[in-house]
Amino acid sequence: MPTIAKTERIETASIPPLGLEGILGLPASAIGLVLFARGSGSSRHSPRNNQVAAALRRAALATLLFDLLTEREADDRANVFDIALLASRLLMVTDWAKALESARALPIGYFGASTGAAAALVAAAHPGNRISAIVSRGGRPDLAGDALARVTAPTLLIVGGSDTEVLALNRSAQRVLGGESALRVVPHATHLFEESGALETVTDLAREWFLVHMPASARR
């Protein structure tokens, strides 16, 4: 268990029953836990997601980055775009995280990118799955289909201003969401937010959304 800082520790995790690989980051006195649902072609080692996760931990939010598919499953591209399958795995990981001694009492949020955002929304709409907040980065919420109307968790959709097709899909999806939602456009950013300062803007928006809504959920 390598120590990253005096107030933070990082643990590797093998999540049963499939042995999905994960990275659990635990800041001292955490006020919430954010699960990262990766997009197509990404993994728990995604530099973008890890950059966001590090910033969340500095704000006292624990993070769990993990692979929704085993290596063999990921070789089949059909699985990468199977939203129902990805959502079922996210539910399984959520149940596992809720049972952790280090995170048992923490409100849970989802951070989803690309197809992972759709999986997060479908999982959040599942009966009995109480999720405190959701953030989508360049996501495809439209792929969540009928589940959108059943999502009650406060949802933030972040899209690049130059990602015009995905922006239109997010605007349409927001009109269907069942709970509180907001759409934030990062000017001139493309789908991967590779432009200077774009990912930092995403990180700031995500951090503030979680900090506002997760402690509020805990109080409720």
C-alpha atoms as a PDB file:
ATOM      1  CA  MET A   1       0.000   0.000   0.000  1.00  0.00           C
ATOM      2  CA  PRO A   2       2.150   2.907  -1.195  1.00  0.00           C
ATOM      3  CA  THR A   3       1.715   6.193   0.608  1.00  0.00           C
ATOM      4  CA  ILE A   4       1.099   9.159  -1.703  1.00  0.00           C
ATOM      5  CA  ALA A   5       0.950  11.827   0.998  1.00  0.00           C
ATOM      6  CA  LYS A   6       0.455  12.030   4.730  1.00  0.00           C
ATOM      7  CA  THR A   7      -3.260  12.516   4.229  1.00  0.00           C
ATOM      8  CA  GLU A   8      -3.843  10.070   1.368  1.00  0.00           C
ATOM      9  CA  ARG A   9      -3.340   6.427   0.570  1.00  0.00           C
ATOM     10  CA  ILE A  10      -3.774   4.435  -2.636  1.00  0.00           C
ATOM     11  CA  GLU A  11      -4.792   0.781  -2.691  1.00  0.00           C
ATOM     12  CA  THR A  12      -5.072  -1.644  -5.572  1.00  0.00           C
ATOM     13  CA  ALA A  13      -8.266  -3.666  -5.568  1.00  0.00           C
ATOM     14  CA  SER A  14      -9.526  -6.860  -7.144  1.00  0.00           C
ATOM     15  CA  ILE A  15     -13.297  -6.653  -7.146  1.00  0.00           C
ATOM     16  CA  PRO A  16     -15.178  -9.967  -6.857  1.00  0.00           C
ATOM     17  CA  PRO A  17     -16.625 -12.092  -8.271  1.00  0.00           C
ATOM     18  CA  LEU A  18     -14.928 -11.360 -11.611  1.00  0.00           C
ATOM     19  CA  GLY A  19     -11.689  -9.933 -10.239  1.00  0.00           C
ATOM     20  CA  LEU A  20     -12.159  -6.553 -11.923  1.00  0.00           C
ATOM     21  CA  GLU A  21      -9.049  -4.448 -11.303  1.00  0.00           C
ATOM     22  CA  GLY A  22      -9.341  -1.131  -9.519  1.00  0.00           C
ATOM     23  CA  ILE A  23      -7.425   1.681  -7.837  1.00  0.00           C
ATOM     24  CA  LEU A  24      -8.927   3.028  -4.608  1.00  0.00           C
ATOM     25  CA  GLY A  25      -7.752   6.439  -3.420  1.00  0.00           C
ATOM     26  CA  LEU A  26      -8.550   7.341   0.181  1.00  0.00           C
ATOM     27  CA  PRO A  27      -7.906  10.851   1.503  1.00  0.00           C
ATOM     28  CA  ALA A  28      -8.086  11.451   5.228  1.00  0.00           C
ATOM     29  CA  SER A  29     -11.553  12.362   6.509  1.00  0.00           C
ATOM     30  CA  ALA A  30     -13.213  11.657   3.168  1.00  0.00           C
ATOM     31  CA  ILE A  31     -16.694  13.145   2.719  1.00  0.00           C
ATOM     32  CA  GLY A  32     -17.721  11.040  -0.268  1.00  0.00           C
ATOM     33  CA  LEU A  33     -16.639   8.360  -2.736  1.00  0.00           C
ATOM     34  CA  VAL A  34     -16.622   8.889  -6.515  1.00  0.00           C
ATOM     35  CA  LEU A  35     -16.681   5.842  -8.806  1.00  0.00           C
ATOM     36  CA  PHE A  36     -15.234   6.381 -12.287  1.00  0.00           C
ATOM     37  CA  ALA A  37     -17.040   4.638 -15.143  1.00  0.00           C
ATOM     38  CA  ARG A  38     -14.602   4.573 -18.027  1.00  0.00           C
ATOM     39  CA  GLY A  39     -15.475   5.164 -21.653  1.00  0.00           C
ATOM     40  CA  SER A  40     -14.735   2.982 -24.656  1.00  0.00           C
ATOM     41  CA  GLY A  41     -11.055   2.301 -25.211  1.00  0.00           C
ATOM     42  CA  SER A  42     -10.052   3.575 -21.775  1.00  0.00           C
ATOM     43  CA  SER A  43      -9.051   1.894 -18.505  1.00  0.00           C
ATOM     44  CA  ARG A  44      -8.383   2.561 -14.840  1.00  0.00           C
ATOM     45  CA  HIS A  45      -5.013   3.964 -15.965  1.00  0.00           C
ATOM     46  CA  SER A  46      -6.591   6.720 -18.094  1.00  0.00           C
ATOM     47  CA  PRO A  47      -4.417   9.840 -17.625  1.00  0.00           C
ATOM     48  CA  ARG A  48      -7.452  12.118 -17.905  1.00  0.00           C
ATOM     49  CA  ASN A  49      -9.507  10.282 -15.311  1.00  0.00           C
ATOM     50  CA  ASN A  50      -6.521   9.974 -13.001  1.00  0.00           C
ATOM     51  CA  GLN A  51      -5.921  13.715 -13.233  1.00  0.00           C
ATOM     52  CA  VAL A  52      -9.521  14.406 -12.254  1.00  0.00           C
ATOM     53  CA  ALA A  53      -9.382  11.786  -9.484  1.00  0.00           C
ATOM     54  CA  ALA A  54      -6.271  13.322  -7.950  1.00  0.00           C
ATOM     55  CA  ALA A  55      -7.980  16.708  -7.760  1.00  0.00           C
ATOM     56  CA  LEU A  56     -11.070  15.179  -6.155  1.00  0.00           C
ATOM     57  CA  ARG A  57      -8.957  13.496  -3.493  1.00  0.00           C
ATOM     58  CA  ARG A  58      -7.369  16.844  -2.654  1.00  0.00           C
ATOM     59  CA  ALA A  59     -10.928  18.004  -1.969  1.00  0.00           C
ATOM     60  CA  ALA A  60     -11.510  15.102   0.487  1.00  0.00           C
ATOM     61  CA  LEU A  61     -13.374  12.915  -2.000  1.00  0.00           C
ATOM     62  CA  ALA A  62     -12.292   9.284  -2.175  1.00  0.00           C
ATOM     63  CA  THR A  63     -12.034   7.815  -5.684  1.00  0.00           C
ATOM     64  CA  LEU A  64     -12.303   4.384  -7.261  1.00  0.00           C
ATOM     65  CA  LEU A  65     -11.016   3.903 -10.800  1.00  0.00           C
ATOM     66  CA  PHE A  66     -11.657   0.439 -12.187  1.00  0.00           C
ATOM     67  CA  ASP A  67     -12.182  -1.623 -15.318  1.00  0.00           C
ATOM     68  CA  LEU A  68     -15.792  -2.569 -16.036  1.00  0.00           C
ATOM     69  CA  LEU A  69     -14.646  -5.470 -18.219  1.00  0.00           C
ATOM     70  CA  THR A  70     -12.044  -8.178 -17.852  1.00  0.00           C
ATOM     71  CA  GLU A  71      -9.196  -8.164 -20.373  1.00  0.00           C
ATOM     72  CA  ARG A  72     -10.802 -10.991 -22.346  1.00  0.00           C
ATOM     73  CA  GLU A  73     -14.180  -9.241 -22.418  1.00  0.00           C
ATOM     74  CA  ALA A  74     -12.611  -5.974 -23.533  1.00  0.00           C
ATOM     75  CA  ASP A  75     -11.175  -7.723 -26.597  1.00  0.00           C
ATOM     76  CA  ASP A  76     -14.734  -8.039 -27.901  1.00  0.00           C
ATOM     77  CA  ARG A  77     -15.651  -4.539 -29.090  1.00  0.00           C
ATOM     78  CA  ALA A  78     -19.349  -5.333 -28.760  1.00  0.00           C
ATOM     79  CA  ASN A  79     -18.922  -5.476 -24.971  1.00  0.00           C
ATOM     80  CA  VAL A  80     -17.337  -2.031 -24.891  1.00  0.00           C
ATOM     81  CA  PHE A  81     -20.575  -0.523 -26.233  1.00  0.00           C
ATOM     82  CA  ASP A  82     -22.994  -2.784 -24.332  1.00  0.00           C
ATOM     83  CA  ILE A  83     -24.490  -0.182 -21.978  1.00  0.00           C
ATOM     84  CA  ALA A  84     -26.653  -2.706 -20.122  1.00  0.00           C
ATOM     85  CA  LEU A  85     -23.612  -4.888 -19.417  1.00  0.00           C
ATOM     86  CA  LEU A  86     -21.488  -1.926 -18.314  1.00  0.00           C
ATOM     87  CA  ALA A  87     -24.259  -0.646 -16.045  1.00  0.00           C
ATOM     88  CA  SER A  88     -24.668  -4.065 -14.421  1.00  0.00           C
ATOM     89  CA  ARG A  89     -20.936  -4.127 -13.689  1.00  0.00           C
ATOM     90  CA  LEU A  90     -21.094  -0.630 -12.216  1.00  0.00           C
ATOM     91  CA  LEU A  91     -23.914  -1.762  -9.931  1.00  0.00           C
ATOM     92  CA  MET A  92     -21.807  -4.729  -8.832  1.00  0.00           C
ATOM     93  CA  VAL A  93     -18.841  -2.477  -8.061  1.00  0.00           C
ATOM     94  CA  THR A  94     -21.118  -0.021  -6.244  1.00  0.00           C
ATOM     95  CA  ASP A  95     -22.366  -2.774  -3.946  1.00  0.00           C
ATOM     96  CA  TRP A  96     -18.773  -3.826  -3.298  1.00  0.00           C
ATOM     97  CA  ALA A  97     -17.736  -0.258  -2.489  1.00  0.00           C
ATOM     98  CA  LYS A  98     -20.656   0.259  -0.124  1.00  0.00           C
ATOM     99  CA  ALA A  99     -19.455  -2.700   1.939  1.00  0.00           C
ATOM    100  CA  LEU A 100     -15.901  -1.385   2.348  1.00  0.00           C
ATOM    101  CA  GLU A 101     -15.016  -0.576   5.936  1.00  0.00           C
ATOM    102  CA  SER A 102     -13.158   2.538   4.772  1.00  0.00           C
ATOM    103  CA  ALA A 103     -16.079   3.864   2.714  1.00  0.00           C
ATOM    104  CA  ARG A 104     -19.188   2.283   4.196  1.00  0.00           C
ATOM    105  CA  ALA A 105     -20.793   5.489   5.456  1.00  0.00           C
ATOM    106  CA  LEU A 106     -19.829   7.695   2.509  1.00  0.00           C
ATOM    107  CA  PRO A 107     -22.285   9.057  -0.070  1.00  0.00           C
ATOM    108  CA  ILE A 108     -21.448   7.756  -3.543  1.00  0.00           C
ATOM    109  CA  GLY A 109     -21.153   9.654  -6.808  1.00  0.00           C
ATOM    110  CA  TYR A 110     -20.461   8.575 -10.376  1.00  0.00           C
ATOM    111  CA  PHE A 111     -18.060  10.202 -12.844  1.00  0.00           C
ATOM    112  CA  GLY A 112     -18.627   8.860 -16.344  1.00  0.00           C
ATOM    113  CA  ALA A 113     -16.926   9.570 -19.661  1.00  0.00           C
ATOM    114  CA  SER A 114     -18.157   8.697 -23.151  1.00  0.00           C
ATOM    115  CA  THR A 115     -20.146   5.423 -22.979  1.00  0.00           C
ATOM    116  CA  GLY A 116     -19.282   5.211 -19.282  1.00  0.00           C
ATOM    117  CA  ALA A 117     -21.581   8.175 -18.680  1.00  0.00           C
ATOM    118  CA  ALA A 118     -24.507   6.252 -20.139  1.00  0.00           C
ATOM    119  CA  ALA A 119     -23.662   3.269 -17.940  1.00  0.00           C
ATOM    120  CA  ALA A 120     -23.541   5.556 -14.899  1.00  0.00           C
ATOM    121  CA  LEU A 121     -26.979   6.978 -15.665  1.00  0.00           C
ATOM    122  CA  VAL A 122     -28.523   3.550 -16.221  1.00  0.00           C
ATOM    123  CA  ALA A 123     -26.994   2.285 -12.969  1.00  0.00           C
ATOM    124  CA  ALA A 124     -28.170   5.373 -11.078  1.00  0.00           C
ATOM    125  CA  ALA A 125     -31.718   4.769 -12.319  1.00  0.00           C
ATOM    126  CA  HIS A 126     -31.740   1.235 -10.928  1.00  0.00           C
ATOM    127  CA  PRO A 127     -34.282   0.827  -8.090  1.00  0.00           C
ATOM    128  CA  GLY A 128     -32.669   1.007  -4.680  1.00  0.00           C
ATOM    129  CA  ASN A 129     -29.330   2.340  -5.930  1.00  0.00           C
ATOM    130  CA  ARG A 130     -28.999   5.638  -4.074  1.00  0.00           C
ATOM    131  CA  ILE A 131     -26.457   7.796  -5.878  1.00  0.00           C
ATOM    132  CA  SER A 132     -25.774  11.303  -4.596  1.00  0.00           C
ATOM    133  CA  ALA A 133     -24.404  13.001  -7.723  1.00  0.00           C
ATOM    134  CA  ILE A 134     -23.331  12.253 -11.289  1.00  0.00           C
ATOM    135  CA  VAL A 135     -20.862  14.029 -13.551  1.00  0.00           C
ATOM    136  CA  SER A 136     -20.579  13.237 -17.257  1.00  0.00           C
ATOM    137  CA  ARG A 137     -17.453  14.322 -19.179  1.00  0.00           C
ATOM    138  CA  GLY A 138     -17.959  14.289 -22.935  1.00  0.00           C
ATOM    139  CA  GLY A 139     -20.545  11.616 -22.294  1.00  0.00           C
ATOM    140  CA  ARG A 140     -23.240   9.952 -24.349  1.00  0.00           C
ATOM    141  CA  PRO A 141     -26.239  10.245 -22.011  1.00  0.00           C
ATOM    142  CA  ASP A 142     -28.520   9.593 -24.982  1.00  0.00           C
ATOM    143  CA  LEU A 143     -27.378   5.961 -24.888  1.00  0.00           C
ATOM    144  CA  ALA A 144     -29.053   5.592 -21.478  1.00  0.00           C
ATOM    145  CA  GLY A 145     -32.397   5.596 -23.289  1.00  0.00           C
ATOM    146  CA  ASP A 146     -35.522   5.291 -21.143  1.00  0.00           C
ATOM    147  CA  ALA A 147     -33.439   5.258 -17.954  1.00  0.00           C
ATOM    148  CA  LEU A 148     -32.854   9.016 -18.251  1.00  0.00           C
ATOM    149  CA  ALA A 149     -36.314   9.872 -16.974  1.00  0.00           C
ATOM    150  CA  ARG A 150     -35.746   7.705 -13.884  1.00  0.00           C
ATOM    151  CA  VAL A 151     -32.477   9.377 -12.862  1.00  0.00           C
ATOM    152  CA  THR A 152     -33.086  11.486  -9.750  1.00  0.00           C
ATOM    153  CA  ALA A 153     -29.463  12.098  -8.726  1.00  0.00           C
ATOM    154  CA  PRO A 154     -28.245  15.643  -9.518  1.00  0.00           C
ATOM    155  CA  THR A 155     -26.465  15.317 -12.860  1.00  0.00           C
ATOM    156  CA  LEU A 156     -23.868  17.603 -14.422  1.00  0.00           C
ATOM    157  CA  LEU A 157     -23.195  17.245 -18.152  1.00  0.00           C
ATOM    158  CA  ILE A 158     -19.854  18.705 -19.295  1.00  0.00           C
ATOM    159  CA  VAL A 159     -19.267  18.972 -23.043  1.00  0.00           C
ATOM    160  CA  GLY A 160     -16.665  20.644 -25.224  1.00  0.00           C
ATOM    161  CA  GLY A 161     -17.914  23.612 -27.222  1.00  0.00           C
ATOM    162  CA  SER A 162     -16.336  22.233 -30.396  1.00  0.00           C
ATOM    163  CA  ASP A 163     -17.778  18.760 -29.828  1.00  0.00           C
ATOM    164  CA  THR A 164     -20.916  19.845 -31.652  1.00  0.00           C
ATOM    165  CA  GLU A 165     -22.608  16.491 -32.288  1.00  0.00           C
ATOM    166  CA  VAL A 166     -22.146  15.299 -28.699  1.00  0.00           C
ATOM    167  CA  LEU A 167     -23.257  18.698 -27.412  1.00  0.00           C
ATOM    168  CA  ALA A 168     -26.536  18.392 -29.300  1.00  0.00           C
ATOM    169  CA  LEU A 169     -27.069  14.888 -27.899  1.00  0.00           C
ATOM    170  CA  ASN A 170     -26.431  16.147 -24.361  1.00  0.00           C
ATOM    171  CA  ARG A 171     -28.879  19.002 -24.757  1.00  0.00           C
ATOM    172  CA  SER A 172     -31.581  16.598 -25.883  1.00  0.00           C
ATOM    173  CA  ALA A 173     -30.794  14.162 -23.052  1.00  0.00           C
ATOM    174  CA  GLN A 174     -30.899  16.886 -20.414  1.00  0.00           C
ATOM    175  CA  ARG A 175     -34.494  17.670 -21.309  1.00  0.00           C
ATOM    176  CA  VAL A 176     -35.434  14.090 -20.382  1.00  0.00           C
ATOM    177  CA  LEU A 177     -33.493  13.726 -17.120  1.00  0.00           C
ATOM    178  CA  GLY A 178     -35.803  13.167 -14.184  1.00  0.00           C
ATOM    179  CA  GLY A 179     -33.874  15.079 -11.532  1.00  0.00           C
ATOM    180  CA  GLU A 180     -31.824  18.223 -11.092  1.00  0.00           C
ATOM    181  CA  SER A 181     -29.360  18.747 -13.938  1.00  0.00           C
ATOM    182  CA  ALA A 182     -26.999  21.277 -15.453  1.00  0.00           C
ATOM    183  CA  LEU A 183     -25.124  21.506 -18.738  1.00  0.00           C
ATOM    184  CA  ARG A 184     -21.748  23.215 -18.827  1.00  0.00           C
ATOM    185  CA  VAL A 185     -19.954  23.889 -22.107  1.00  0.00           C
ATOM    186  CA  VAL A 186     -16.156  24.250 -22.115  1.00  0.00           C
ATOM    187  CA  PRO A 187     -15.424  26.809 -24.872  1.00  0.00           C
ATOM    188  CA  HIS A 188     -13.410  25.565 -27.875  1.00  0.00           C
ATOM    189  CA  ALA A 189     -12.803  22.143 -26.288  1.00  0.00           C
ATOM    190  CA  THR A 190     -13.108  18.975 -28.364  1.00  0.00           C
ATOM    191  CA  HIS A 191     -14.296  15.535 -27.276  1.00  0.00           C
ATOM    192  CA  LEU A 192     -11.220  14.548 -25.248  1.00  0.00           C
ATOM    193  CA  PHE A 193     -10.637  18.001 -23.727  1.00  0.00           C
ATOM    194  CA  GLU A 194      -7.036  17.961 -24.901  1.00  0.00           C
ATOM    195  CA  GLU A 195      -6.835  21.737 -25.376  1.00  0.00           C
ATOM    196  CA  SER A 196      -4.811  23.828 -22.939  1.00  0.00           C
ATOM    197  CA  GLY A 197      -6.760  24.327 -19.715  1.00  0.00           C
ATOM    198  CA  ALA A 198      -9.808  22.347 -20.872  1.00  0.00           C
ATOM    199  CA  LEU A 199      -9.384  19.370 -18.569  1.00  0.00           C
ATOM    200  CA  GLU A 200      -8.617  21.697 -15.665  1.00  0.00           C
ATOM    201  CA  THR A 201     -11.974  23.372 -16.286  1.00  0.00           C
ATOM    202  CA  VAL A 202     -13.675  19.964 -16.313  1.00  0.00           C
ATOM    203  CA  THR A 203     -11.970  19.115 -13.044  1.00  0.00           C
ATOM    204  CA  ASP A 204     -13.072  22.355 -11.372  1.00  0.00           C
ATOM    205  CA  LEU A 205     -16.673  21.875 -12.495  1.00  0.00           C
ATOM    206  CA  ALA A 206     -16.776  18.241 -11.372  1.00  0.00           C
ATOM    207  CA  ARG A 207     -15.216  18.967  -7.994  1.00  0.00           C
ATOM    208  CA  GLU A 208     -17.675  21.747  -7.211  1.00  0.00           C
ATOM    209  CA  TRP A 209     -20.655  19.636  -8.293  1.00  0.00           C
ATOM    210  CA  PHE A 210     -19.660  16.763  -6.034  1.00  0.00           C
ATOM    211  CA  LEU A 211     -18.799  19.020  -3.100  1.00  0.00           C
ATOM    212  CA  VAL A 212     -22.193  20.722  -3.270  1.00  0.00           C
ATOM    213  CA  HIS A 213     -24.357  17.659  -3.778  1.00  0.00           C
ATOM    214  CA  MET A 214     -22.641  14.803  -1.945  1.00  0.00           C
ATOM    215  CA  PRO A 215     -22.517  16.397   1.529  1.00  0.00           C
ATOM    216  CA  ALA A 216     -26.108  17.536   1.004  1.00  0.00           C
ATOM    217  CA  SER A 217     -27.090  13.948   0.275  1.00  0.00           C
ATOM    218  CA  ALA A 218     -25.360  12.778   3.449  1.00  0.00           C
ATOM    219  CA  ARG A 219     -27.341  15.310   5.501  1.00  0.00           C
ATOM    220  CA  ARG A 220     -30.599  14.109   3.974  1.00  0.00           C
END
